[in-house]
N, C-alpha and C. Protein backbone atom coordinates (compact mmCIF):
# COMPACT_ATOMS: atom_id res chain seq x y z
N MET A 1 -1.63 -13.79 4.87
CA MET A 1 -2.07 -12.76 5.80
C MET A 1 -2.94 -11.75 5.05
N SER A 2 -4.11 -11.46 5.56
CA SER A 2 -4.96 -10.44 4.94
C SER A 2 -4.62 -9.08 5.53
N GLN A 3 -4.64 -8.08 4.68
CA GLN A 3 -4.25 -6.74 5.10
C GLN A 3 -5.45 -5.80 5.06
N LEU A 4 -5.55 -4.96 6.06
CA LEU A 4 -6.62 -3.99 6.16
C LEU A 4 -6.66 -3.08 4.94
N GLY A 5 -7.83 -2.94 4.33
CA GLY A 5 -8.01 -2.04 3.20
C GLY A 5 -7.71 -2.65 1.84
N LYS A 6 -7.24 -3.90 1.81
CA LYS A 6 -6.94 -4.56 0.53
C LYS A 6 -8.18 -5.25 0.00
N ARG A 7 -8.27 -5.34 -1.33
CA ARG A 7 -9.37 -6.06 -1.98
C ARG A 7 -8.85 -7.41 -2.45
N TYR A 8 -9.68 -8.44 -2.27
CA TYR A 8 -9.33 -9.79 -2.66
C TYR A 8 -10.39 -10.30 -3.63
N ARG A 9 -9.96 -11.12 -4.60
CA ARG A 9 -10.86 -11.63 -5.63
C ARG A 9 -10.69 -13.13 -5.77
N CYS A 10 -11.82 -13.84 -5.92
CA CYS A 10 -11.81 -15.28 -6.16
C CYS A 10 -11.66 -15.50 -7.66
N GLU A 11 -10.64 -16.27 -8.05
CA GLU A 11 -10.40 -16.51 -9.48
C GLU A 11 -11.38 -17.52 -10.05
N VAL A 12 -12.12 -18.24 -9.19
CA VAL A 12 -13.07 -19.25 -9.66
C VAL A 12 -14.43 -18.61 -9.97
N CYS A 13 -15.02 -17.92 -8.98
CA CYS A 13 -16.37 -17.39 -9.15
C CYS A 13 -16.43 -15.88 -9.33
N GLY A 14 -15.32 -15.17 -9.09
CA GLY A 14 -15.30 -13.72 -9.29
C GLY A 14 -15.74 -12.90 -8.09
N THR A 15 -16.00 -13.53 -6.97
CA THR A 15 -16.39 -12.80 -5.76
C THR A 15 -15.27 -11.89 -5.32
N GLU A 16 -15.62 -10.66 -4.94
CA GLU A 16 -14.64 -9.70 -4.45
C GLU A 16 -14.98 -9.31 -3.02
N VAL A 17 -13.96 -9.18 -2.17
CA VAL A 17 -14.17 -8.76 -0.79
C VAL A 17 -13.18 -7.65 -0.45
N LEU A 18 -13.59 -6.77 0.45
CA LEU A 18 -12.74 -5.72 0.97
C LEU A 18 -12.42 -6.08 2.41
N CYS A 19 -11.15 -6.14 2.75
CA CYS A 19 -10.72 -6.52 4.08
C CYS A 19 -10.92 -5.34 5.04
N THR A 20 -11.75 -5.54 6.06
CA THR A 20 -12.02 -4.49 7.04
C THR A 20 -11.34 -4.76 8.37
N LYS A 21 -10.65 -5.91 8.47
CA LYS A 21 -9.93 -6.26 9.69
C LYS A 21 -8.76 -7.15 9.31
N ALA A 22 -7.57 -6.80 9.75
CA ALA A 22 -6.38 -7.59 9.45
C ALA A 22 -6.47 -8.96 10.12
N SER A 23 -5.90 -9.96 9.46
CA SER A 23 -5.94 -11.33 9.97
C SER A 23 -4.67 -12.05 9.56
N PRO A 24 -4.24 -13.03 10.36
CA PRO A 24 -3.06 -13.79 9.98
C PRO A 24 -3.34 -14.81 8.87
N GLU A 25 -4.62 -14.97 8.49
CA GLU A 25 -4.99 -15.94 7.45
C GLU A 25 -5.41 -15.24 6.16
N GLN A 26 -5.25 -15.94 5.05
CA GLN A 26 -5.64 -15.45 3.73
C GLN A 26 -7.13 -15.77 3.52
N PRO A 27 -7.93 -14.85 2.93
CA PRO A 27 -9.33 -15.15 2.64
C PRO A 27 -9.45 -16.34 1.68
N VAL A 28 -10.46 -17.18 1.89
CA VAL A 28 -10.67 -18.38 1.08
C VAL A 28 -12.08 -18.37 0.49
N CYS A 29 -12.20 -18.74 -0.79
CA CYS A 29 -13.48 -18.87 -1.46
C CYS A 29 -13.35 -20.02 -2.46
N CYS A 30 -14.39 -20.82 -2.62
CA CYS A 30 -14.37 -21.97 -3.53
C CYS A 30 -13.19 -22.90 -3.23
N ASP A 31 -12.84 -23.05 -1.97
CA ASP A 31 -11.74 -23.91 -1.50
C ASP A 31 -10.37 -23.50 -2.02
N LYS A 32 -10.21 -22.24 -2.44
CA LYS A 32 -8.91 -21.71 -2.87
C LYS A 32 -8.68 -20.37 -2.21
N GLU A 33 -7.40 -20.04 -1.99
CA GLU A 33 -7.09 -18.73 -1.42
C GLU A 33 -7.39 -17.64 -2.43
N MET A 34 -7.94 -16.54 -1.96
CA MET A 34 -8.26 -15.42 -2.85
C MET A 34 -6.99 -14.63 -3.13
N VAL A 35 -6.92 -14.01 -4.30
CA VAL A 35 -5.74 -13.24 -4.69
C VAL A 35 -5.98 -11.75 -4.44
N THR A 36 -4.92 -11.03 -4.12
CA THR A 36 -5.00 -9.60 -3.89
C THR A 36 -5.16 -8.89 -5.23
N GLN A 37 -6.11 -7.95 -5.27
CA GLN A 37 -6.30 -7.17 -6.49
C GLN A 37 -5.35 -5.99 -6.48
N GLU A 38 -4.79 -5.71 -7.62
CA GLU A 38 -3.92 -4.55 -7.75
C GLU A 38 -4.79 -3.31 -7.95
N PRO A 39 -4.36 -2.15 -7.45
CA PRO A 39 -5.15 -0.94 -7.64
C PRO A 39 -5.23 -0.57 -9.13
N LYS A 40 -6.38 -0.05 -9.52
CA LYS A 40 -6.57 0.38 -10.90
C LYS A 40 -5.88 1.72 -11.09
N PRO A 41 -5.23 1.93 -12.22
CA PRO A 41 -4.56 3.22 -12.45
C PRO A 41 -5.59 4.34 -12.59
N VAL A 42 -5.30 5.44 -11.98
CA VAL A 42 -6.17 6.61 -12.03
C VAL A 42 -5.75 7.47 -13.22
N PRO A 43 -6.68 7.88 -14.07
CA PRO A 43 -6.30 8.70 -15.21
C PRO A 43 -5.77 10.06 -14.75
N SER A 44 -4.79 10.55 -15.45
CA SER A 44 -4.23 11.85 -15.10
C SER A 44 -5.20 12.96 -15.52
N SER A 45 -5.18 14.03 -14.79
CA SER A 45 -6.07 15.16 -15.10
C SER A 45 -5.25 16.30 -15.68
N ASP A 46 -4.85 16.14 -16.91
CA ASP A 46 -4.04 17.17 -17.58
C ASP A 46 -4.91 18.28 -18.11
């Protein structure tokens, strides 16, 4: 299931997509399901 606002990445070619509409299916690229990218840590502002 794709989730609104999540980023997905193809492990084969490196293509990245941002989900703008929720769907019951997982995004597919290069005949493989794309993986969800984890958010990058934001540096603290001390």
